[in-house]
Amino acid sequence: MPTPTKAALEVWLQARGTDEGPLFVTFDRAGKGGRLTGSAVYFIVRRLGTKAGLTVRPHGLRHLAITSALDLTKGDVRAVQKFSRHKDVRVLNTYDDNRQDIAGDVARLVAGV
């Protein structure tokens, strides 16, 4: 686990506590300590993005992480497949194509541009 990730989780565990149960829990009065839902994650990410002046979605962050991983590994689709946990490598080929705009490059060649 990367050092910054480990440090962030250690800080989170200090706030959450070390009791057994879900890793990510709510802190609202109604459901304190309950499992954080997918909808709650979506809301939190959107709200933090808005505070930063950005439009952000959880899947957009995942897409960015995968695209960045492809950039940093010089397109090593197999390594990024392990990182992203995609079962089908064809999904990553789509990310890689979009990252490099391979289809756009070929279209420009065909068009003679």
PDB file of N, CA and C in Angstrom:
ATOM      1  N   MET A   1       0.856  -1.171   0.000  1.00  0.00           N
ATOM      2  CA  MET A   1       0.000   0.000   0.000  1.00  0.00           C
ATOM      3  C   MET A   1       0.906   1.239   0.000  1.00  0.00           C
ATOM      4  N   PRO A   2       0.640   2.193  -0.899  1.00  0.00           N
ATOM      5  CA  PRO A   2       1.470   3.409  -0.937  1.00  0.00           C
ATOM      6  C   PRO A   2       1.429   4.164   0.397  1.00  0.00           C
ATOM      7  N   THR A   3       2.551   4.760   0.765  1.00  0.00           N
ATOM      8  CA  THR A   3       2.678   5.469   2.042  1.00  0.00           C
ATOM      9  C   THR A   3       1.598   6.529   2.236  1.00  0.00           C
ATOM     10  N   PRO A   4       1.299   7.383   1.239  1.00  0.00           N
ATOM     11  CA  PRO A   4       0.246   8.392   1.459  1.00  0.00           C
ATOM     12  C   PRO A   4      -1.130   7.771   1.725  1.00  0.00           C
ATOM     13  N   THR A   5      -1.423   6.652   1.055  1.00  0.00           N
ATOM     14  CA  THR A   5      -2.702   5.974   1.267  1.00  0.00           C
ATOM     15  C   THR A   5      -2.758   5.408   2.678  1.00  0.00           C
ATOM     16  N   LYS A   6      -1.681   4.787   3.093  1.00  0.00           N
ATOM     17  CA  LYS A   6      -1.613   4.217   4.442  1.00  0.00           C
ATOM     18  C   LYS A   6      -1.774   5.315   5.490  1.00  0.00           C
ATOM     19  N   ALA A   7      -1.115   6.452   5.294  1.00  0.00           N
ATOM     20  CA  ALA A   7      -1.216   7.566   6.244  1.00  0.00           C
ATOM     21  C   ALA A   7      -2.647   8.096   6.315  1.00  0.00           C
ATOM     22  N   ALA A   8      -3.306   8.207   5.161  1.00  0.00           N
ATOM     23  CA  ALA A   8      -4.693   8.697   5.136  1.00  0.00           C
ATOM     24  C   ALA A   8      -5.622   7.726   5.855  1.00  0.00           C
ATOM     25  N   LEU A   9      -5.411   6.428   5.653  1.00  0.00           N
ATOM     26  CA  LEU A   9      -6.243   5.434   6.336  1.00  0.00           C
ATOM     27  C   LEU A   9      -6.003   5.441   7.844  1.00  0.00           C
ATOM     28  N   GLU A  10      -4.771   5.654   8.262  1.00  0.00           N
ATOM     29  CA  GLU A  10      -4.479   5.737   9.698  1.00  0.00           C
ATOM     30  C   GLU A  10      -5.206   6.918  10.334  1.00  0.00           C
ATOM     31  N   VAL A  11      -5.208   8.065   9.653  1.00  0.00           N
ATOM     32  CA  VAL A  11      -5.935   9.238  10.160  1.00  0.00           C
ATOM     33  C   VAL A  11      -7.429   8.932  10.212  1.00  0.00           C
ATOM     34  N   TRP A  12      -7.943   8.289   9.160  1.00  0.00           N
ATOM     35  CA  TRP A  12      -9.369   7.940   9.125  1.00  0.00           C
ATOM     36  C   TRP A  12      -9.722   7.006  10.279  1.00  0.00           C
ATOM     37  N   LEU A  13      -8.884   5.996  10.528  1.00  0.00           N
ATOM     38  CA  LEU A  13      -9.175   5.052  11.603  1.00  0.00           C
ATOM     39  C   LEU A  13      -9.161   5.724  12.978  1.00  0.00           C
ATOM     40  N   GLN A  14      -8.353   6.768  13.123  1.00  0.00           N
ATOM     41  CA  GLN A  14      -8.373   7.523  14.383  1.00  0.00           C
ATOM     42  C   GLN A  14      -9.724   8.205  14.554  1.00  0.00           C
ATOM     43  N   ALA A  15     -10.276   8.742  13.461  1.00  0.00           N
ATOM     44  CA  ALA A  15     -11.582   9.412  13.526  1.00  0.00           C
ATOM     45  C   ALA A  15     -12.715   8.392  13.669  1.00  0.00           C
ATOM     46  N   ARG A  16     -12.636   7.287  12.944  1.00  0.00           N
ATOM     47  CA  ARG A  16     -13.682   6.273  12.920  1.00  0.00           C
ATOM     48  C   ARG A  16     -13.663   5.402  14.159  1.00  0.00           C
ATOM     49  N   GLY A  17     -12.464   5.125  14.645  1.00  0.00           N
ATOM     50  CA  GLY A  17     -12.321   4.165  15.736  1.00  0.00           C
ATOM     51  C   GLY A  17     -11.921   2.820  15.180  1.00  0.00           C
ATOM     52  N   THR A  18     -11.441   1.947  16.039  1.00  0.00           N
ATOM     53  CA  THR A  18     -10.921   0.657  15.580  1.00  0.00           C
ATOM     54  C   THR A  18     -11.884  -0.497  15.842  1.00  0.00           C
ATOM     55  N   ASP A  19     -13.127  -0.186  16.191  1.00  0.00           N
ATOM     56  CA  ASP A  19     -14.119  -1.244  16.385  1.00  0.00           C
ATOM     57  C   ASP A  19     -14.342  -1.992  15.073  1.00  0.00           C
ATOM     58  N   GLU A  20     -14.749  -3.248  15.188  1.00  0.00           N
ATOM     59  CA  GLU A  20     -15.075  -4.019  13.990  1.00  0.00           C
ATOM     60  C   GLU A  20     -16.264  -3.401  13.277  1.00  0.00           C
ATOM     61  N   GLY A  21     -16.355  -3.655  12.002  1.00  0.00           N
ATOM     62  CA  GLY A  21     -17.457  -3.148  11.210  1.00  0.00           C
ATOM     63  C   GLY A  21     -16.962  -2.567   9.915  1.00  0.00           C
ATOM     64  N   PRO A  22     -17.850  -1.901   9.184  1.00  0.00           N
ATOM     65  CA  PRO A  22     -17.458  -1.329   7.888  1.00  0.00           C
ATOM     66  C   PRO A  22     -16.319  -0.329   8.053  1.00  0.00           C
ATOM     67  N   LEU A  23     -15.452  -0.275   7.058  1.00  0.00           N
ATOM     68  CA  LEU A  23     -14.337   0.673   7.111  1.00  0.00           C
ATOM     69  C   LEU A  23     -14.834   2.108   6.989  1.00  0.00           C
ATOM     70  N   PHE A  24     -15.758   2.345   6.058  1.00  0.00           N
ATOM     71  CA  PHE A  24     -16.263   3.699   5.844  1.00  0.00           C
ATOM     72  C   PHE A  24     -17.686   3.786   6.372  1.00  0.00           C
ATOM     73  N   VAL A  25     -17.873   4.655   7.341  1.00  0.00           N
ATOM     74  CA  VAL A  25     -19.152   4.767   8.039  1.00  0.00           C
ATOM     75  C   VAL A  25     -19.653   6.203   8.013  1.00  0.00           C
ATOM     76  N   THR A  26     -20.939   6.353   8.297  1.00  0.00           N
ATOM     77  CA  THR A  26     -21.545   7.684   8.353  1.00  0.00           C
ATOM     78  C   THR A  26     -21.284   8.329   9.709  1.00  0.00           C
ATOM     79  N   PHE A  27     -21.352   9.650   9.713  1.00  0.00           N
ATOM     80  CA  PHE A  27     -21.214  10.399  10.955  1.00  0.00           C
ATOM     81  C   PHE A  27     -22.451  11.236  11.236  1.00  0.00           C
ATOM     82  N   ASP A  28     -23.501  11.068  10.421  1.00  0.00           N
ATOM     83  CA  ASP A  28     -24.710  11.850  10.673  1.00  0.00           C
ATOM     84  C   ASP A  28     -25.434  11.294  11.899  1.00  0.00           C
ATOM     85  N   ARG A  29     -26.250  12.127  12.521  1.00  0.00           N
ATOM     86  CA  ARG A  29     -26.921  11.738  13.769  1.00  0.00           C
ATOM     87  C   ARG A  29     -27.866  10.559  13.582  1.00  0.00           C
ATOM     88  N   ALA A  30     -28.503  10.476  12.416  1.00  0.00           N
ATOM     89  CA  ALA A  30     -29.516   9.436  12.196  1.00  0.00           C
ATOM     90  C   ALA A  30     -28.899   8.047  12.085  1.00  0.00           C
ATOM     91  N   GLY A  31     -27.760   7.952  11.423  1.00  0.00           N
ATOM     92  CA  GLY A  31     -27.204   6.619  11.181  1.00  0.00           C
ATOM     93  C   GLY A  31     -25.752   6.509  11.568  1.00  0.00           C
ATOM     94  N   LYS A  32     -25.334   7.223  12.618  1.00  0.00           N
ATOM     95  CA  LYS A  32     -23.920   7.247  13.002  1.00  0.00           C
ATOM     96  C   LYS A  32     -23.363   5.831  13.119  1.00  0.00           C
ATOM     97  N   GLY A  33     -22.272   5.627  12.404  1.00  0.00           N
ATOM     98  CA  GLY A  33     -21.610   4.339  12.459  1.00  0.00           C
ATOM     99  C   GLY A  33     -22.112   3.325  11.456  1.00  0.00           C
ATOM    100  N   GLY A  34     -23.169   3.674  10.707  1.00  0.00           N
ATOM    101  CA  GLY A  34     -23.679   2.751   9.692  1.00  0.00           C
ATOM    102  C   GLY A  34     -22.796   2.760   8.453  1.00  0.00           C
ATOM    103  N   ARG A  35     -22.936   1.742   7.644  1.00  0.00           N
ATOM    104  CA  ARG A  35     -22.154   1.624   6.406  1.00  0.00           C
ATOM    105  C   ARG A  35     -22.439   2.804   5.483  1.00  0.00           C
ATOM    106  N   LEU A  36     -21.403   3.367   4.905  1.00  0.00           N
ATOM    107  CA  LEU A  36     -21.538   4.454   3.945  1.00  0.00           C
ATOM    108  C   LEU A  36     -22.068   3.863   2.642  1.00  0.00           C
ATOM    109  N   THR A  37     -23.178   4.390   2.144  1.00  0.00           N
ATOM    110  CA  THR A  37     -23.798   3.855   0.935  1.00  0.00           C
ATOM    111  C   THR A  37     -23.141   4.426  -0.312  1.00  0.00           C
ATOM    112  N   GLY A  38     -23.395   3.799  -1.447  1.00  0.00           N
ATOM    113  CA  GLY A  38     -22.912   4.321  -2.717  1.00  0.00           C
ATOM    114  C   GLY A  38     -23.448   5.707  -2.998  1.00  0.00           C
ATOM    115  N   SER A  39     -24.705   5.935  -2.650  1.00  0.00           N
ATOM    116  CA  SER A  39     -25.308   7.261  -2.842  1.00  0.00           C
ATOM    117  C   SER A  39     -24.613   8.304  -1.989  1.00  0.00           C
ATOM    118  N   ALA A  40     -24.254   7.920  -0.779  1.00  0.00           N
ATOM    119  CA  ALA A  40     -23.559   8.862   0.107  1.00  0.00           C
ATOM    120  C   ALA A  40     -22.181   9.216  -0.450  1.00  0.00           C
ATOM    121  N   VAL A  41     -21.477   8.217  -0.978  1.00  0.00           N
ATOM    122  CA  VAL A  41     -20.160   8.473  -1.582  1.00  0.00           C
ATOM    123  C   VAL A  41     -20.317   9.431  -2.758  1.00  0.00           C
ATOM    124  N   TYR A  42     -21.311   9.194  -3.601  1.00  0.00           N
ATOM    125  CA  TYR A  42     -21.571  10.062  -4.743  1.00  0.00           C
ATOM    126  C   TYR A  42     -21.805  11.502  -4.261  1.00  0.00           C
ATOM    127  N   PHE A  43     -22.646  11.659  -3.250  1.00  0.00           N
ATOM    128  CA  PHE A  43     -22.969  12.985  -2.724  1.00  0.00           C
ATOM    129  C   PHE A  43     -21.728  13.676  -2.159  1.00  0.00           C
ATOM    130  N   ILE A  44     -20.932  12.946  -1.400  1.00  0.00           N
ATOM    131  CA  ILE A  44     -19.717  13.522  -0.794  1.00  0.00           C
ATOM    132  C   ILE A  44     -18.733  13.975  -1.871  1.00  0.00           C
ATOM    133  N   VAL A  45     -18.511  13.118  -2.855  1.00  0.00           N
ATOM    134  CA  VAL A  45     -17.565  13.458  -3.926  1.00  0.00           C
ATOM    135  C   VAL A  45     -18.053  14.676  -4.711  1.00  0.00           C
ATOM    136  N   ARG A  46     -19.360  14.701  -5.042  1.00  0.00           N
ATOM    137  CA  ARG A  46     -19.921  15.854  -5.771  1.00  0.00           C
ATOM    138  C   ARG A  46     -19.769  17.135  -4.953  1.00  0.00           C
ATOM    139  N   ARG A  47     -20.084  17.055  -3.646  1.00  0.00           N
ATOM    140  CA  ARG A  47     -20.022  18.240  -2.800  1.00  0.00           C
ATOM    141  C   ARG A  47     -18.584  18.754  -2.662  1.00  0.00           C
ATOM    142  N   LEU A  48     -17.631  17.864  -2.461  1.00  0.00           N
ATOM    143  CA  LEU A  48     -16.233  18.286  -2.357  1.00  0.00           C
ATOM    144  C   LEU A  48     -15.743  18.873  -3.680  1.00  0.00           C
ATOM    145  N   GLY A  49     -16.167  18.277  -4.786  1.00  0.00           N
ATOM    146  CA  GLY A  49     -15.814  18.824  -6.096  1.00  0.00           C
ATOM    147  C   GLY A  49     -16.369  20.223  -6.277  1.00  0.00           C
ATOM    148  N   THR A  50     -17.615  20.430  -5.891  1.00  0.00           N
ATOM    149  CA  THR A  50     -18.245  21.754  -6.002  1.00  0.00           C
ATOM    150  C   THR A  50     -17.481  22.781  -5.169  1.00  0.00           C
ATOM    151  N   LYS A  51     -17.084  22.395  -3.964  1.00  0.00           N
ATOM    152  CA  LYS A  51     -16.305  23.300  -3.109  1.00  0.00           C
ATOM    153  C   LYS A  51     -14.990  23.693  -3.768  1.00  0.00           C
ATOM    154  N   ALA A  52     -14.434  22.772  -4.560  1.00  0.00           N
ATOM    155  CA  ALA A  52     -13.177  23.034  -5.256  1.00  0.00           C
ATOM    156  C   ALA A  52     -13.397  23.713  -6.609  1.00  0.00           C
ATOM    157  N   GLY A  53     -14.668  23.961  -6.943  1.00  0.00           N
ATOM    158  CA  GLY A  53     -14.975  24.599  -8.219  1.00  0.00           C
ATOM    159  C   GLY A  53     -14.956  23.633  -9.393  1.00  0.00           C
ATOM    160  N   LEU A  54     -15.159  22.348  -9.121  1.00  0.00           N
ATOM    161  CA  LEU A  54     -15.103  21.317 -10.157  1.00  0.00           C
ATOM    162  C   LEU A  54     -16.393  20.519 -10.197  1.00  0.00           C
ATOM    163  N   THR A  55     -16.658  19.924 -11.342  1.00  0.00           N
ATOM    164  CA  THR A  55     -17.748  18.960 -11.449  1.00  0.00           C
ATOM    165  C   THR A  55     -17.100  17.585 -11.405  1.00  0.00           C
ATOM    166  N   VAL A  56     -17.365  16.852 -10.333  1.00  0.00           N
ATOM    167  CA  VAL A  56     -16.686  15.578 -10.109  1.00  0.00           C
ATOM    168  C   VAL A  56     -17.711  14.500  -9.792  1.00  0.00           C
ATOM    169  N   ARG A  57     -17.460  13.296 -10.326  1.00  0.00           N
ATOM    170  CA  ARG A  57     -18.272  12.123 -10.007  1.00  0.00           C
ATOM    171  C   ARG A  57     -17.322  11.004  -9.590  1.00  0.00           C
ATOM    172  N   PRO A  58     -17.767  10.091  -8.729  1.00  0.00           N
ATOM    173  CA  PRO A  58     -16.878   8.989  -8.325  1.00  0.00           C
ATOM    174  C   PRO A  58     -16.322   8.211  -9.513  1.00  0.00           C
ATOM    175  N   HIS A  59     -17.169   7.887 -10.499  1.00  0.00           N
ATOM    176  CA  HIS A  59     -16.662   7.131 -11.643  1.00  0.00           C
ATOM    177  C   HIS A  59     -15.662   7.958 -12.449  1.00  0.00           C
ATOM    178  N   GLY A  60     -15.854   9.274 -12.464  1.00  0.00           N
ATOM    179  CA  GLY A  60     -14.893  10.141 -13.136  1.00  0.00           C
ATOM    180  C   GLY A  60     -13.522  10.070 -12.478  1.00  0.00           C
ATOM    181  N   LEU A  61     -13.504   9.969 -11.144  1.00  0.00           N
ATOM    182  CA  LEU A  61     -12.231   9.824 -10.431  1.00  0.00           C
ATOM    183  C   LEU A  61     -11.582   8.485 -10.765  1.00  0.00           C
ATOM    184  N   ARG A  62     -12.391   7.450 -10.859  1.00  0.00           N
ATOM    185  CA  ARG A  62     -11.869   6.133 -11.232  1.00  0.00           C
ATOM    186  C   ARG A  62     -11.295   6.177 -12.649  1.00  0.00           C
ATOM    187  N   HIS A  63     -12.026   6.811 -13.554  1.00  0.00           N
ATOM    188  CA  HIS A  63     -11.555   6.950 -14.934  1.00  0.00           C
ATOM    189  C   HIS A  63     -10.224   7.704 -14.970  1.00  0.00           C
ATOM    190  N   LEU A  64     -10.134   8.791 -14.206  1.00  0.00           N
ATOM    191  CA  LEU A  64      -8.898   9.575 -14.151  1.00  0.00           C
ATOM    192  C   LEU A  64      -7.747   8.737 -13.609  1.00  0.00           C
ATOM    193  N   ALA A  65      -8.007   7.960 -12.559  1.00  0.00           N
ATOM    194  CA  ALA A  65      -6.954   7.126 -11.981  1.00  0.00           C
ATOM    195  C   ALA A  65      -6.459   6.095 -12.995  1.00  0.00           C
ATOM    196  N   ILE A  66      -7.378   5.480 -13.718  1.00  0.00           N
ATOM    197  CA  ILE A  66      -6.990   4.461 -14.703  1.00  0.00           C
ATOM    198  C   ILE A  66      -6.227   5.097 -15.859  1.00  0.00           C
ATOM    199  N   THR A  67      -6.702   6.227 -16.333  1.00  0.00           N
ATOM    200  CA  THR A  67      -6.020   6.922 -17.426  1.00  0.00           C
ATOM    201  C   THR A  67      -4.626   7.374 -16.976  1.00  0.00           C
ATOM    202  N   SER A  68      -4.522   7.900 -15.762  1.00  0.00           N
ATOM    203  CA  SER A  68      -3.217   8.309 -15.229  1.00  0.00           C
ATOM    204  C   SER A  68      -2.288   7.106 -15.098  1.00  0.00           C
ATOM    205  N   ALA A  69      -2.831   5.977 -14.634  1.00  0.00           N
ATOM    206  CA  ALA A  69      -2.021   4.766 -14.510  1.00  0.00           C
ATOM    207  C   ALA A  69      -1.507   4.315 -15.876  1.00  0.00           C
ATOM    208  N   LEU A  70      -2.346   4.410 -16.889  1.00  0.00           N
ATOM    209  CA  LEU A  70      -1.894   4.066 -18.244  1.00  0.00           C
ATOM    210  C   LEU A  70      -0.789   5.010 -18.705  1.00  0.00           C
ATOM    211  N   ASP A  71      -0.942   6.298 -18.413  1.00  0.00           N
ATOM    212  CA  ASP A  71       0.109   7.262 -18.767  1.00  0.00           C
ATOM    213  C   ASP A  71       1.423   6.923 -18.057  1.00  0.00           C
ATOM    214  N   LEU A  72       1.325   6.694 -16.752  1.00  0.00           N
ATOM    215  CA  LEU A  72       2.526   6.478 -15.941  1.00  0.00           C
ATOM    216  C   LEU A  72       3.221   5.153 -16.251  1.00  0.00           C
ATOM    217  N   THR A  73       2.466   4.168 -16.734  1.00  0.00           N
ATOM    218  CA  THR A  73       3.058   2.867 -17.072  1.00  0.00           C
ATOM    219  C   THR A  73       3.344   2.751 -18.563  1.00  0.00           C
ATOM    220  N   LYS A  74       3.220   3.871 -19.269  1.00  0.00           N
ATOM    221  CA  LYS A  74       3.446   3.891 -20.723  1.00  0.00           C
ATOM    222  C   LYS A  74       2.544   2.881 -21.435  1.00  0.00           C
ATOM    223  N   GLY A  75       1.280   2.820 -20.977  1.00  0.00           N
ATOM    224  CA  GLY A  75       0.290   1.982 -21.636  1.00  0.00           C
ATOM    225  C   GLY A  75       0.348   0.509 -21.283  1.00  0.00           C
ATOM    226  N   ASP A  76       0.925   0.162 -20.143  1.00  0.00           N
ATOM    227  CA  ASP A  76       0.991  -1.242 -19.718  1.00  0.00           C
ATOM    228  C   ASP A  76      -0.401  -1.684 -19.257  1.00  0.00           C
ATOM    229  N   VAL A  77      -1.181  -2.164 -20.213  1.00  0.00           N
ATOM    230  CA  VAL A  77      -2.580  -2.503 -19.970  1.00  0.00           C
ATOM    231  C   VAL A  77      -2.706  -3.622 -18.941  1.00  0.00           C
ATOM    232  N   ARG A  78      -1.813  -4.588 -18.961  1.00  0.00           N
ATOM    233  CA  ARG A  78      -1.888  -5.709 -18.000  1.00  0.00           C
ATOM    234  C   ARG A  78      -1.649  -5.227 -16.567  1.00  0.00           C
ATOM    235  N   ALA A  79      -0.670  -4.353 -16.371  1.00  0.00           N
ATOM    236  CA  ALA A  79      -0.412  -3.835 -15.023  1.00  0.00           C
ATOM    237  C   ALA A  79      -1.597  -3.011 -14.526  1.00  0.00           C
ATOM    238  N   VAL A  80      -2.150  -2.200 -15.417  1.00  0.00           N
ATOM    239  CA  VAL A  80      -3.283  -1.352 -15.038  1.00  0.00           C
ATOM    240  C   VAL A  80      -4.534  -2.206 -14.819  1.00  0.00           C
ATOM    241  N   GLN A  81      -4.629  -3.328 -15.498  1.00  0.00           N
ATOM    242  CA  GLN A  81      -5.752  -4.243 -15.269  1.00  0.00           C
ATOM    243  C   GLN A  81      -5.728  -4.740 -13.820  1.00  0.00           C
ATOM    244  N   LYS A  82      -4.557  -5.043 -13.306  1.00  0.00           N
ATOM    245  CA  LYS A  82      -4.451  -5.480 -11.917  1.00  0.00           C
ATOM    246  C   LYS A  82      -4.816  -4.334 -10.970  1.00  0.00           C
ATOM    247  N   PHE A  83      -4.375  -3.115 -11.297  1.00  0.00           N
ATOM    248  CA  PHE A  83      -4.682  -1.937 -10.483  1.00  0.00           C
ATOM    249  C   PHE A  83      -6.177  -1.652 -10.463  1.00  0.00           C
ATOM    250  N   SER A  84      -6.803  -1.700 -11.629  1.00  0.00           N
ATOM    251  CA  SER A  84      -8.212  -1.314 -11.751  1.00  0.00           C
ATOM    252  C   SER A  84      -9.172  -2.454 -11.426  1.00  0.00           C
ATOM    253  N   ARG A  85      -8.655  -3.679 -11.453  1.00  0.00           N
ATOM    254  CA  ARG A  85      -9.451  -4.888 -11.202  1.00  0.00           C
ATOM    255  C   ARG A  85     -10.537  -5.102 -12.257  1.00  0.00           C
ATOM    256  N   HIS A  86     -10.304  -4.606 -13.478  1.00  0.00           N
ATOM    257  CA  HIS A  86     -11.214  -4.925 -14.582  1.00  0.00           C
ATOM    258  C   HIS A  86     -10.969  -6.381 -14.980  1.00  0.00           C
ATOM    259  N   LYS A  87     -12.033  -7.134 -15.113  1.00  0.00           N
ATOM    260  CA  LYS A  87     -11.893  -8.529 -15.519  1.00  0.00           C
ATOM    261  C   LYS A  87     -11.561  -8.636 -17.001  1.00  0.00           C
ATOM    262  N   ASP A  88     -12.101  -7.723 -17.781  1.00  0.00           N
ATOM    263  CA  ASP A  88     -11.954  -7.784 -19.236  1.00  0.00           C
ATOM    264  C   ASP A  88     -10.971  -6.701 -19.692  1.00  0.00           C
ATOM    265  N   VAL A  89      -9.857  -7.126 -20.246  1.00  0.00           N
ATOM    266  CA  VAL A  89      -8.816  -6.193 -20.680  1.00  0.00           C
ATOM    267  C   VAL A  89      -9.315  -5.284 -21.811  1.00  0.00           C
ATOM    268  N   ARG A  90     -10.377  -5.693 -22.497  1.00  0.00           N
ATOM    269  CA  ARG A  90     -10.906  -4.858 -23.584  1.00  0.00           C
ATOM    270  C   ARG A  90     -11.411  -3.515 -23.066  1.00  0.00           C
ATOM    271  N   VAL A  91     -11.888  -3.485 -21.837  1.00  0.00           N
ATOM    272  CA  VAL A  91     -12.328  -2.215 -21.242  1.00  0.00           C
ATOM    273  C   VAL A  91     -11.144  -1.262 -21.144  1.00  0.00           C
ATOM    274  N   LEU A  92     -10.008  -1.777 -20.730  1.00  0.00           N
ATOM    275  CA  LEU A  92      -8.812  -0.939 -20.598  1.00  0.00           C
ATOM    276  C   LEU A  92      -8.289  -0.506 -21.963  1.00  0.00           C
ATOM    277  N   ASN A  93      -8.473  -1.340 -22.964  1.00  0.00           N
ATOM    278  CA  ASN A  93      -8.078  -0.933 -24.316  1.00  0.00           C
ATOM    279  C   ASN A  93      -8.882   0.290 -24.752  1.00  0.00           C
ATOM    280  N   THR A  94     -10.135   0.367 -24.330  1.00  0.00           N
ATOM    281  CA  THR A  94     -10.961   1.543 -24.645  1.00  0.00           C
ATOM    282  C   THR A  94     -10.406   2.771 -23.947  1.00  0.00           C
ATOM    283  N   TYR A  95     -10.068   2.625 -22.650  1.00  0.00           N
ATOM    284  CA  TYR A  95      -9.452   3.738 -21.921  1.00  0.00           C
ATOM    285  C   TYR A  95      -8.168   4.174 -22.621  1.00  0.00           C
ATOM    286  N   ASP A  96      -7.352   3.191 -23.025  1.00  0.00           N
ATOM    287  CA  ASP A  96      -6.074   3.495 -23.657  1.00  0.00           C
ATOM    288  C   ASP A  96      -6.278   4.196 -24.990  1.00  0.00           C
ATOM    289  N   ASP A  97      -7.262   3.752 -25.764  1.00  0.00           N
ATOM    290  CA  ASP A  97      -7.564   4.390 -27.046  1.00  0.00           C
ATOM    291  C   ASP A  97      -7.996   5.843 -26.821  1.00  0.00           C
ATOM    292  N   ASN A  98      -8.865   6.053 -25.831  1.00  0.00           N
ATOM    293  CA  ASN A  98      -9.319   7.415 -25.544  1.00  0.00           C
ATOM    294  C   ASN A  98      -8.165   8.286 -25.059  1.00  0.00           C
ATOM    295  N   ARG A  99      -7.283   7.705 -24.274  1.00  0.00           N
ATOM    296  CA  ARG A  99      -6.132   8.442 -23.736  1.00  0.00           C
ATOM    297  C   ARG A  99      -5.214   8.905 -24.858  1.00  0.00           C
ATOM    298  N   GLN A 100      -4.972   8.051 -25.797  1.00  0.00           N
ATOM    299  CA  GLN A 100      -4.053   8.370 -26.878  1.00  0.00           C
ATOM    300  C   GLN A 100      -4.752   8.948 -28.102  1.00  0.00           C
ATOM    301  N   ASP A 101      -6.075   8.874 -28.143  1.00  0.00           N
ATOM    302  CA  ASP A 101      -6.874   9.284 -29.301  1.00  0.00           C
ATOM    303  C   ASP A 101      -6.405   8.567 -30.565  1.00  0.00           C
ATOM    304  N   ILE A 102      -6.166   7.270 -30.415  1.00  0.00           N
ATOM    305  CA  ILE A 102      -5.715   6.452 -31.545  1.00  0.00           C
ATOM    306  C   ILE A 102      -6.741   6.491 -32.675  1.00  0.00           C
ATOM    307  N   ALA A 103      -8.008   6.349 -32.313  1.00  0.00           N
ATOM    308  CA  ALA A 103      -9.050   6.372 -33.345  1.00  0.00           C
ATOM    309  C   ALA A 103      -9.051   7.715 -34.069  1.00  0.00           C
ATOM    310  N   GLY A 104      -8.857   8.798 -33.335  1.00  0.00           N
ATOM    311  CA  GLY A 104      -8.809  10.132 -33.953  1.00  0.00           C
ATOM    312  C   GLY A 104      -7.610  10.276 -34.877  1.00  0.00           C
ATOM    313  N   ASP A 105      -6.455   9.736 -34.458  1.00  0.00           N
ATOM    314  CA  ASP A 105      -5.253   9.787 -35.296  1.00  0.00           C
ATOM    315  C   ASP A 105      -5.469   9.052 -36.608  1.00  0.00           C
ATOM    316  N   VAL A 106      -6.080   7.877 -36.532  1.00  0.00           N
ATOM    317  CA  VAL A 106      -6.331   7.088 -37.745  1.00  0.00           C
ATOM    318  C   VAL A 106      -7.354   7.814 -38.618  1.00  0.00           C
ATOM    319  N   ALA A 107      -8.378   8.387 -38.023  1.00  0.00           N
ATOM    320  CA  ALA A 107      -9.396   9.127 -38.796  1.00  0.00           C
ATOM    321  C   ALA A 107      -8.743  10.295 -39.532  1.00  0.00           C
ATOM    322  N   ARG A 108      -7.817  10.984 -38.869  1.00  0.00           N
ATOM    323  CA  ARG A 108      -7.134  12.107 -39.539  1.00  0.00           C
ATOM    324  C   ARG A 108      -6.255  11.615 -40.681  1.00  0.00           C
ATOM    325  N   LEU A 109      -5.603  10.451 -40.495  1.00  0.00           N
ATOM    326  CA  LEU A 109      -4.801   9.867 -41.585  1.00  0.00           C
ATOM    327  C   LEU A 109      -5.678   9.539 -42.796  1.00  0.00           C
ATOM    328  N   VAL A 110      -6.809   8.909 -42.517  1.00  0.00           N
ATOM    329  CA  VAL A 110      -7.731   8.520 -43.599  1.00  0.00           C
ATOM    330  C   VAL A 110      -8.266   9.759 -44.309  1.00  0.00           C
ATOM    331  N   ALA A 111      -8.540  10.800 -43.539  1.00  0.00           N
ATOM    332  CA  ALA A 111      -9.086  12.035 -44.114  1.00  0.00           C
ATOM    333  C   ALA A 111      -8.004  12.852 -44.832  1.00  0.00           C
ATOM    334  N   GLY A 112      -6.735  12.452 -44.637  1.00  0.00           N
ATOM    335  CA  GLY A 112      -5.647  13.187 -45.297  1.00  0.00           C
ATOM    336  C   GLY A 112      -5.329  14.510 -44.623  1.00  0.00           C
ATOM    337  N   VAL A 113      -5.674  14.617 -43.331  1.00  0.00           N
ATOM    338  CA  VAL A 113      -5.418  15.872 -42.587  1.00  0.00           C
ATOM    339  C   VAL A 113      -4.064  15.791 -41.950  1.00  0.00           C
TER     340      VAL A 113
END
